[in-house]
């Protein structure tokens, strides 16, 4: 059986080095090899003094990984390709792709680099965008959050759920499964024909959906401290708030088979740009 590596994109930026730290920890935690990948089409024999050479970029990243996690099993690659293309291709044979939130030469004020955004929207494997503060990146909150939206295949055995349970198992931490729900408009308007408590019904429906969506996966990971919560509000706002006390936010990304180009929804975009912790975007084909 082929052992899939964790692949991390490196470009010499500080954000990429933070991604290397996160990936090195994850590789040791899961007992997997780590592959450092640097790709660029701007190779020349006449390098500017301030620009690091490709071999120096990967050597520096490798040294960083070894210092951070001495037991990590490490390989490096330097490719003459567009970075996003190289990483997306590497994702076909990876357990997960790891990228930093920003890269070298990023536009001032840009919250998520173009390479990271492209990889997150195209890759066939889970993509982790490493963002947030030191506490979250080091995993000190002891909590992973799984955002549960409307899942493919009736929510049965969803890849995002499997990823979150596996990560919580490896970290020995809590897993909070969260589903957002909205108050009925008619209730807010106090419509005279409205009977009962629709808000309570909506919350109950959300909890029942969580239970049905996660029952099979939870049974396989019975040792996990799983907490299911239905939270009122827009999914974007709910999950951004949940990210403030999390070490990792896991969300599913619907992928249409045969569809080319970026495939991400508005909530995915918002979380990748603004979450207070690393975000794992897990493809779920529909």
Protein backbone atom coordinates (compact mmCIF):
# COMPACT_ATOMS: atom_id res chain seq x y z
CA UNK A 1 0.00 0.00 0.00
CA UNK A 2 1.39 3.39 -1.04
CA UNK A 3 1.87 5.79 1.86
CA UNK A 4 0.50 9.20 0.90
CA UNK A 5 2.47 12.22 2.16
CA UNK A 6 1.41 15.56 3.50
CA UNK A 7 2.50 18.09 0.89
CA UNK A 8 3.28 21.67 1.86
CA UNK A 9 3.94 24.49 -0.60
CA UNK A 10 6.98 26.60 0.28
CA UNK A 11 8.15 29.88 -1.24
CA UNK A 12 10.39 31.41 1.43
CA UNK A 13 7.67 33.60 2.93
CA UNK A 14 6.99 33.72 6.64
CA UNK A 15 3.45 32.45 6.03
CA UNK A 16 4.84 29.42 4.20
CA UNK A 17 7.26 28.71 7.04
CA UNK A 18 4.37 28.77 9.51
CA UNK A 19 2.64 26.28 7.21
CA UNK A 20 5.78 24.11 7.35
CA UNK A 21 5.61 24.11 11.17
CA UNK A 22 1.95 23.08 11.10
CA UNK A 23 2.54 20.40 8.47
CA UNK A 24 5.57 18.97 10.28
CA UNK A 25 3.53 18.56 13.45
CA UNK A 26 0.69 16.96 11.48
CA UNK A 27 3.04 14.56 9.69
CA UNK A 28 4.51 13.31 12.96
CA UNK A 29 1.06 13.13 14.57
CA UNK A 30 -0.29 10.95 11.76
CA UNK A 31 2.94 9.01 11.18
CA UNK A 32 3.17 10.18 7.57
CA UNK A 33 6.01 11.52 5.44
CA UNK A 34 6.21 15.24 4.69
CA UNK A 35 6.99 16.52 1.19
CA UNK A 36 8.16 20.12 0.78
CA UNK A 37 7.36 21.48 -2.67
CA UNK A 38 8.62 24.67 -4.27
CA UNK A 39 7.50 25.55 -7.78
CA UNK A 40 8.18 28.57 -9.97
CA UNK A 41 8.35 29.49 -13.66
CA UNK A 42 10.56 32.51 -12.98
CA UNK A 43 13.85 30.66 -13.00
CA UNK A 44 16.90 32.47 -14.35
CA UNK A 45 20.68 32.32 -14.11
CA UNK A 46 20.73 35.99 -13.16
CA UNK A 47 19.01 36.05 -9.77
CA UNK A 48 18.54 39.33 -7.94
CA UNK A 49 20.51 39.31 -4.70
CA UNK A 50 17.40 39.85 -2.60
CA UNK A 51 15.56 36.89 -4.16
CA UNK A 52 16.23 33.42 -2.70
CA UNK A 53 17.18 30.66 -5.11
CA UNK A 54 14.79 27.68 -5.36
CA UNK A 55 17.26 25.26 -3.77
CA UNK A 56 17.80 27.70 -0.90
CA UNK A 57 14.04 28.02 -0.40
CA UNK A 58 13.52 24.29 0.07
CA UNK A 59 16.73 23.89 2.09
CA UNK A 60 15.59 26.59 4.48
CA UNK A 61 12.14 25.05 4.77
CA UNK A 62 13.63 21.60 5.37
CA UNK A 63 15.85 22.92 8.14
CA UNK A 64 12.84 24.64 9.69
CA UNK A 65 10.84 21.39 9.59
CA UNK A 66 13.64 19.34 11.15
CA UNK A 67 14.15 21.85 13.95
CA UNK A 68 10.43 22.02 14.63
CA UNK A 69 9.81 18.26 14.45
CA UNK A 70 13.07 16.25 14.57
CA UNK A 71 11.28 12.94 13.93
CA UNK A 72 9.62 14.04 10.70
CA UNK A 73 10.31 11.97 7.56
CA UNK A 74 11.12 14.53 4.91
CA UNK A 75 11.53 14.84 1.14
CA UNK A 76 11.90 17.98 -0.99
CA UNK A 77 11.07 18.90 -4.59
CA UNK A 78 11.81 21.89 -6.80
CA UNK A 79 9.70 22.12 -9.96
CA UNK A 80 9.70 24.51 -12.92
CA UNK A 81 5.92 24.92 -12.97
CA UNK A 82 3.27 27.40 -11.97
CA UNK A 83 2.91 27.00 -8.17
CA UNK A 84 -0.86 26.48 -8.16
CA UNK A 85 -0.66 23.91 -10.97
CA UNK A 86 2.18 22.02 -9.29
CA UNK A 87 0.40 21.86 -5.95
CA UNK A 88 -2.94 20.85 -7.46
CA UNK A 89 -1.19 18.06 -9.38
CA UNK A 90 0.67 16.96 -6.21
CA UNK A 91 -2.68 16.77 -4.45
CA UNK A 92 -3.69 13.79 -6.58
CA UNK A 93 -1.24 11.72 -4.56
CA UNK A 94 -1.36 13.43 -1.18
CA UNK A 95 -3.14 12.89 2.10
CA UNK A 96 -3.51 16.64 2.42
CA UNK A 97 -2.09 19.82 0.87
CA UNK A 98 -0.92 22.52 3.27
CA UNK A 99 -0.44 26.16 2.22
CA UNK A 100 0.14 29.45 3.95
CA UNK A 101 -2.43 32.21 3.95
CA UNK A 102 -0.08 34.55 2.10
CA UNK A 103 2.88 34.13 -0.22
CA UNK A 104 5.88 36.10 -1.48
CA UNK A 105 5.01 39.12 -3.54
CA UNK A 106 1.43 39.22 -2.25
CA UNK A 107 -0.61 42.35 -2.79
CA UNK A 108 -0.73 44.54 0.30
CA UNK A 109 -3.98 43.97 2.17
CA UNK A 110 -4.73 40.69 0.42
CA UNK A 111 -6.09 38.32 3.05
CA UNK A 112 -5.48 35.10 1.13
CA UNK A 113 -2.81 34.62 -1.52
CA UNK A 114 -3.84 33.79 -5.08
CA UNK A 115 -1.95 30.48 -5.07
CA UNK A 116 -3.60 29.33 -1.85
CA UNK A 117 -7.04 30.34 -3.14
CA UNK A 118 -6.51 28.52 -6.44
CA UNK A 119 -5.26 25.36 -4.74
CA UNK A 120 -8.14 25.36 -2.25
CA UNK A 121 -10.67 25.63 -5.07
CA UNK A 122 -9.14 23.02 -7.38
CA UNK A 123 -7.44 20.28 -5.38
CA UNK A 124 -8.77 16.72 -5.28
CA UNK A 125 -7.57 16.19 -1.70
CA UNK A 126 -8.16 18.14 1.51
CA UNK A 127 -6.41 21.52 1.63
CA UNK A 128 -5.37 23.17 4.89
CA UNK A 129 -4.82 26.93 4.80
CA UNK A 130 -2.69 27.77 7.83
CA UNK A 131 -3.89 31.01 9.36
CA UNK A 132 -4.70 32.37 12.81
CA UNK A 133 -2.58 33.07 15.86
CA UNK A 134 0.09 31.00 17.58
CA UNK A 135 -2.32 29.38 20.04
CA UNK A 136 -4.53 27.98 17.29
CA UNK A 137 -1.64 26.92 15.05
CA UNK A 138 0.00 25.06 17.94
CA UNK A 139 -3.26 23.30 18.79
CA UNK A 140 -3.57 24.66 22.32
CA UNK A 141 -7.35 25.16 22.40
CA UNK A 142 -7.98 21.40 22.42
CA UNK A 143 -10.96 21.74 20.10
CA UNK A 144 -11.71 21.07 16.43
CA UNK A 145 -14.83 22.52 14.81
CA UNK A 146 -16.65 20.73 12.00
CA UNK A 147 -19.05 22.94 10.07
CA UNK A 148 -21.93 20.80 8.81
CA UNK A 149 -23.91 22.21 5.90
CA UNK A 150 -26.14 20.36 3.46
CA UNK A 151 -24.07 17.29 2.70
CA UNK A 152 -23.98 15.18 -0.47
CA UNK A 153 -25.44 11.67 -0.46
CA UNK A 154 -27.81 12.61 2.37
CA UNK A 155 -24.84 13.36 4.61
CA UNK A 156 -23.82 9.72 4.89
CA UNK A 157 -20.10 9.13 5.39
CA UNK A 158 -19.18 12.67 4.30
CA UNK A 159 -15.43 13.15 3.67
CA UNK A 160 -15.28 16.31 5.80
CA UNK A 161 -16.72 14.45 8.77
CA UNK A 162 -14.25 11.58 8.36
CA UNK A 163 -11.39 14.08 8.15
CA UNK A 164 -12.51 15.90 11.30
CA UNK A 165 -12.97 12.70 13.33
CA UNK A 166 -9.59 11.39 12.20
CA UNK A 167 -7.90 14.66 13.16
CA UNK A 168 -9.62 14.78 16.55
CA UNK A 169 -8.55 11.19 17.19
CA UNK A 170 -4.92 11.97 16.37
CA UNK A 171 -4.96 15.09 18.56
CA UNK A 172 -6.96 13.51 21.45
CA UNK A 173 -9.16 16.60 21.55
CA UNK A 174 -12.83 17.59 21.49
CA UNK A 175 -14.78 17.71 18.25
CA UNK A 176 -17.58 20.25 18.02
CA UNK A 177 -19.98 19.63 15.12
CA UNK A 178 -21.88 22.83 14.38
CA UNK A 179 -24.84 23.48 12.11
CA UNK A 180 -26.21 26.99 11.61
CA UNK A 181 -29.95 27.60 11.42
CA UNK A 182 -32.07 30.69 10.74
CA UNK A 183 -35.14 31.99 12.54
CA UNK A 184 -38.25 31.88 10.30
CA UNK A 185 -39.04 35.26 8.75
CA UNK A 186 -42.73 34.97 9.63
CA UNK A 187 -41.94 34.58 13.32
CA UNK A 188 -39.86 37.71 13.30
CA UNK A 189 -42.87 39.52 11.84
CA UNK A 190 -45.24 37.96 14.43
CA UNK A 191 -47.55 36.68 11.72
CA UNK A 192 -51.04 36.01 13.23
CA UNK A 193 -51.38 32.65 11.46
CA UNK A 194 -48.10 31.32 12.82
CA UNK A 195 -48.66 28.60 15.41
CA UNK A 196 -46.31 27.01 17.92
CA UNK A 197 -42.61 27.82 18.17
CA UNK A 198 -41.02 27.61 14.70
CA UNK A 199 -37.61 28.65 16.02
CA UNK A 200 -37.54 25.70 18.42
CA UNK A 201 -38.57 23.46 15.53
CA UNK A 202 -35.76 24.79 13.34
CA UNK A 203 -33.21 24.21 16.08
CA UNK A 204 -34.51 20.68 16.64
CA UNK A 205 -34.32 19.96 12.90
CA UNK A 206 -30.70 21.14 12.85
CA UNK A 207 -29.77 18.87 15.74
CA UNK A 208 -31.56 15.92 14.15
CA UNK A 209 -29.69 16.57 10.90
CA UNK A 210 -26.37 16.58 12.76
CA UNK A 211 -27.20 13.31 14.49
CA UNK A 212 -28.17 11.63 11.21
CA UNK A 213 -25.21 13.00 9.29
CA UNK A 214 -22.61 11.96 11.86
CA UNK A 215 -24.05 8.82 13.42
CA UNK A 216 -22.10 6.29 11.33
CA UNK A 217 -18.77 8.11 11.56
CA UNK A 218 -19.20 8.74 15.28
CA UNK A 219 -19.83 5.02 15.82
CA UNK A 220 -16.45 4.27 14.24
CA UNK A 221 -14.74 6.79 16.55
CA UNK A 222 -16.54 6.08 19.79
CA UNK A 223 -13.70 7.43 21.91
CA UNK A 224 -14.09 10.97 20.59
CA UNK A 225 -15.60 13.66 22.82
CA UNK A 226 -18.21 14.76 20.26
CA UNK A 227 -20.44 17.74 20.97
CA UNK A 228 -23.20 18.60 18.49
CA UNK A 229 -24.54 22.12 18.50
CA UNK A 230 -27.16 23.98 16.48
CA UNK A 231 -26.42 27.72 16.45
CA UNK A 232 -28.76 30.41 15.18
CA UNK A 233 -27.36 32.76 12.54
CA UNK A 234 -25.84 32.88 9.05
CA UNK A 235 -23.37 30.03 8.52
CA UNK A 236 -20.56 32.45 7.71
CA UNK A 237 -20.97 34.41 10.96
CA UNK A 238 -21.52 31.30 13.10
CA UNK A 239 -18.41 29.51 11.86
CA UNK A 240 -16.20 32.60 12.02
CA UNK A 241 -17.16 32.99 15.66
CA UNK A 242 -16.56 29.27 16.32
CA UNK A 243 -13.08 29.57 14.79
CA UNK A 244 -12.01 31.94 17.57
CA UNK A 245 -11.64 29.12 20.07
CA UNK A 246 -10.63 26.32 17.70
CA UNK A 247 -7.36 24.74 16.58
CA UNK A 248 -8.82 23.70 13.23
CA UNK A 249 -12.02 24.46 11.35
CA UNK A 250 -13.11 21.69 8.95
CA UNK A 251 -15.63 22.36 6.19
CA UNK A 252 -16.77 20.47 3.12
CA UNK A 253 -16.39 21.87 -0.40
CA UNK A 254 -18.87 20.58 -2.96
CA UNK A 255 -17.18 19.51 -6.19
CA UNK A 256 -19.12 18.78 -9.39
CA UNK A 257 -17.46 15.94 -11.27
CA UNK A 258 -16.01 17.05 -14.58
CA UNK A 259 -16.32 20.75 -13.69
CA UNK A 260 -13.19 22.83 -14.36
CA UNK A 261 -12.07 25.92 -12.49
CA UNK A 262 -12.50 27.07 -8.90
CA UNK A 263 -15.30 25.43 -6.96
CA UNK A 264 -16.02 27.20 -3.69
CA UNK A 265 -19.09 28.77 -2.18
CA UNK A 266 -19.42 32.13 -0.46
CA UNK A 267 -19.08 30.60 3.00
CA UNK A 268 -15.89 28.77 1.98
CA UNK A 269 -14.41 32.03 0.67
CA UNK A 270 -15.27 33.92 3.85
CA UNK A 271 -13.75 31.31 6.15
CA UNK A 272 -10.54 30.96 4.14
CA UNK A 273 -10.08 34.73 4.25
CA UNK A 274 -11.18 35.55 7.79
CA UNK A 275 -11.09 32.49 10.11
CA UNK A 276 -9.10 32.82 13.33
CA UNK A 277 -7.56 29.34 13.01
CA UNK A 278 -6.29 26.99 10.28
CA UNK A 279 -9.04 25.91 7.88
CA UNK A 280 -9.34 22.45 6.27
CA UNK A 281 -11.38 22.47 3.06
CA UNK A 282 -12.37 18.89 2.19
CA UNK A 283 -13.74 18.06 -1.30
CA UNK A 284 -17.16 16.36 -1.34
CA UNK A 285 -18.19 15.28 -4.83
CA UNK A 286 -21.81 15.69 -5.88
